Amino acid sequence: MSRPASQRRFGAATPVIDAAARAVTEEVFGRDRDGRKAYPSAGGLYAVRGHLVQSYAGTVLACGGFPQPTVGAVDAEELRARSFGQVGGEPNWVVLTGCQPRYEHRYGLRGYRYLLLEAGHLAQCLLDAATRAGLRALPIGAFDDEGVMASMGLVGADQLPLYLIALGR
């Protein structure tokens, strides 16, 4: 695939960048001193999960204490390819997935909207935290959904890929 005109380039993966990406996701997905999360969730369901795919270490970490639904290692290069060439270099990836049935059960058809709003709030918090940590961040909404599901081991799971966020320098 040829490089799109809008492609954003990230530098090489390093242990320092992996550590900064872990700190960013821990800040956003964790809880503050009062036990609150950094982003709102309709009904307090918090049905959006984060999966940190680290380019240098080649590992996948669950964000915020969620159980990790992926099986085996996820190749960061594979995720880059699933983003239709919008990203160059070796960023870390945060894959946001959502459990639509949790919201749909409580809110009916409107539940899907709440799931997307939660993912948007969470993504904004990640972008802000990345900036404070000295990282560049790029949210990506256009990607190969089925390919990301396959790469992450989510085929047949109740998790839908909602957003990809590239983190790096």
Protein backbone atom coordinates (compact mmCIF):
# COMPACT_ATOMS: atom_id res chain seq x y z
CA MET A 1 0.00 0.00 0.00
CA SER A 2 1.34 3.44 -0.84
CA ARG A 3 1.82 5.94 1.94
CA PRO A 4 -1.29 8.14 2.38
CA ALA A 5 -0.70 11.91 2.36
CA SER A 6 -2.06 12.11 5.90
CA GLN A 7 0.24 9.46 7.40
CA ARG A 8 1.73 10.37 10.78
CA ARG A 9 5.23 9.12 11.56
CA PHE A 10 6.38 7.95 14.96
CA GLY A 11 9.96 7.20 15.99
CA ALA A 12 11.53 3.89 16.88
CA ALA A 13 10.14 1.89 19.80
CA THR A 14 12.19 2.05 23.00
CA PRO A 15 11.82 0.84 26.61
CA VAL A 16 11.38 4.49 27.70
CA ILE A 17 8.41 4.96 25.37
CA ASP A 18 6.91 1.63 26.51
CA ALA A 19 7.18 2.79 30.15
CA ALA A 20 5.61 6.17 29.34
CA ALA A 21 2.73 4.49 27.51
CA ARG A 22 2.14 2.20 30.52
CA ALA A 23 2.09 5.23 32.83
CA VAL A 24 -0.42 7.02 30.58
CA THR A 25 -2.81 4.07 30.49
CA GLU A 26 -2.50 3.50 34.24
CA GLU A 27 -3.35 7.15 34.87
CA VAL A 28 -6.41 7.13 32.63
CA PHE A 29 -7.81 3.68 33.38
CA GLY A 30 -6.99 3.75 37.09
CA ARG A 31 -8.86 5.52 39.86
CA ASP A 32 -8.03 8.71 41.73
CA ARG A 33 -7.70 9.05 45.52
CA ASP A 34 -11.47 9.24 45.85
CA GLY A 35 -11.98 6.07 43.81
CA ARG A 36 -13.23 7.86 40.70
CA LYS A 37 -12.22 7.18 37.12
CA ALA A 38 -10.89 9.93 34.84
CA TYR A 39 -13.81 9.67 32.41
CA PRO A 40 -17.60 9.36 32.72
CA SER A 41 -19.63 6.27 31.94
CA ALA A 42 -23.42 6.07 31.59
CA GLY A 43 -24.79 4.30 34.63
CA GLY A 44 -21.25 3.65 35.84
CA LEU A 45 -21.04 0.57 33.58
CA TYR A 46 -17.50 1.27 32.29
CA ALA A 47 -17.90 -1.16 29.41
CA VAL A 48 -14.95 0.17 27.37
CA ARG A 49 -11.72 -1.76 27.83
CA GLY A 50 -8.21 -0.82 26.86
CA HIS A 51 -5.48 -3.09 25.52
CA LEU A 52 -1.95 -1.67 25.39
CA VAL A 53 0.13 -3.25 22.62
CA GLN A 54 3.77 -2.36 23.22
CA SER A 55 6.02 -2.20 20.18
CA TYR A 56 9.40 -2.55 21.89
CA ALA A 57 8.54 -5.24 24.46
CA GLY A 58 6.16 -7.06 22.14
CA THR A 59 3.61 -7.49 24.92
CA VAL A 60 -0.08 -6.80 25.39
CA LEU A 61 -1.24 -5.39 28.70
CA ALA A 62 -4.77 -4.96 29.95
CA CYS A 63 -5.47 -1.39 30.98
CA GLY A 64 -7.07 -0.56 34.28
CA GLY A 65 -7.17 -4.02 35.79
CA PHE A 66 -9.53 -5.50 33.21
CA PRO A 67 -8.90 -9.16 32.45
CA GLN A 68 -6.98 -9.57 29.22
CA PRO A 69 -9.13 -11.27 26.58
CA THR A 70 -6.38 -11.57 23.98
CA VAL A 71 -4.65 -14.86 23.40
CA GLY A 72 -0.92 -14.89 22.71
CA ALA A 73 1.15 -11.97 21.51
CA VAL A 74 -0.16 -9.24 19.26
CA ASP A 75 2.19 -7.87 16.63
CA ALA A 76 2.22 -4.06 16.72
CA GLU A 77 3.19 -4.06 13.03
CA GLU A 78 0.00 -6.00 12.28
CA LEU A 79 -2.07 -3.28 13.99
CA ARG A 80 -0.24 -0.63 11.97
CA ALA A 81 -1.26 -2.46 8.81
CA ARG A 82 -4.89 -2.66 10.05
CA SER A 83 -4.93 1.16 10.31
CA PHE A 84 -4.78 1.43 6.50
CA GLY A 85 -1.29 2.92 6.51
CA GLN A 86 -2.26 6.03 8.48
CA VAL A 87 0.64 5.49 10.90
CA GLY A 88 4.34 5.09 10.20
CA GLY A 89 7.09 4.08 12.60
CA GLU A 90 6.79 2.02 15.77
CA PRO A 91 4.23 3.46 18.17
CA ASN A 92 2.61 1.69 21.08
CA TRP A 93 -1.07 1.07 20.45
CA VAL A 94 -4.04 1.43 22.75
CA VAL A 95 -6.94 -0.57 21.34
CA LEU A 96 -10.25 0.50 22.86
CA THR A 97 -12.95 -2.15 22.74
CA GLY A 98 -16.49 -2.06 24.05
CA CYS A 99 -19.06 -4.49 25.35
CA GLN A 100 -22.24 -3.39 23.62
CA PRO A 101 -24.55 -5.93 25.34
CA ARG A 102 -23.86 -4.35 28.76
CA TYR A 103 -25.25 -1.01 27.62
CA GLU A 104 -27.94 -2.45 25.41
CA HIS A 105 -29.29 -4.54 28.29
CA ARG A 106 -29.76 -1.41 30.40
CA TYR A 107 -30.55 1.29 27.81
CA GLY A 108 -31.87 -0.51 24.74
CA LEU A 109 -30.85 0.93 21.37
CA ARG A 110 -29.58 4.12 23.02
CA GLY A 111 -26.95 1.97 24.76
CA TYR A 112 -24.80 1.87 21.63
CA ARG A 113 -24.59 5.68 21.67
CA TYR A 114 -23.53 5.64 25.32
CA LEU A 115 -20.82 3.11 24.53
CA LEU A 116 -19.44 5.37 21.78
CA LEU A 117 -19.61 8.44 24.02
CA GLU A 118 -17.66 6.60 26.72
CA ALA A 119 -15.00 5.59 24.19
CA GLY A 120 -14.72 9.22 23.04
CA HIS A 121 -14.36 10.54 26.60
CA LEU A 122 -11.73 7.90 27.35
CA ALA A 123 -9.81 8.66 24.16
CA GLN A 124 -9.74 12.37 25.02
CA CYS A 125 -8.37 11.56 28.49
CA LEU A 126 -5.68 9.38 26.87
CA LEU A 127 -4.69 12.20 24.50
CA ASP A 128 -4.44 14.67 27.38
CA ALA A 129 -2.39 12.26 29.54
CA ALA A 130 -0.08 11.45 26.61
CA THR A 131 0.62 15.15 26.10
CA ARG A 132 1.46 15.58 29.80
CA ALA A 133 3.82 12.57 29.53
CA GLY A 134 5.64 14.05 26.53
CA LEU A 135 4.18 11.54 24.05
CA ARG A 136 2.47 12.13 20.74
CA ALA A 137 -0.92 10.50 20.34
CA LEU A 138 -3.03 9.88 17.26
CA PRO A 139 -6.62 8.61 17.53
CA ILE A 140 -7.71 6.44 14.60
CA GLY A 141 -11.35 5.67 13.92
CA ALA A 142 -10.92 4.25 10.40
CA PHE A 143 -9.44 0.76 10.60
CA ASP A 144 -10.12 -2.82 9.53
CA ASP A 145 -12.57 -3.89 12.27
CA GLU A 146 -12.49 -7.60 11.49
CA GLY A 147 -8.71 -7.53 11.10
CA VAL A 148 -8.25 -5.83 14.48
CA MET A 149 -10.61 -8.37 16.08
CA ALA A 150 -8.56 -11.20 14.59
CA SER A 151 -5.23 -9.61 15.59
CA MET A 152 -6.40 -9.08 19.17
CA GLY A 153 -7.98 -12.52 19.58
CA LEU A 154 -11.46 -11.01 19.95
CA VAL A 155 -13.29 -13.05 17.31
CA GLY A 156 -16.32 -14.54 19.05
CA ALA A 157 -15.87 -12.31 22.12
CA ASP A 158 -18.39 -9.70 23.21
CA GLN A 159 -15.84 -6.92 22.62
CA LEU A 160 -16.08 -4.64 19.56
CA PRO A 161 -13.05 -2.57 18.48
CA LEU A 162 -14.00 1.10 18.77
CA TYR A 163 -10.80 3.13 18.52
CA LEU A 164 -7.08 2.74 17.94
CA ILE A 165 -4.72 5.24 19.52
CA ALA A 166 -1.06 5.35 18.52
CA LEU A 167 1.31 6.56 21.27
CA GLY A 168 4.96 7.40 20.79
CA ARG A 169 7.46 10.09 19.89
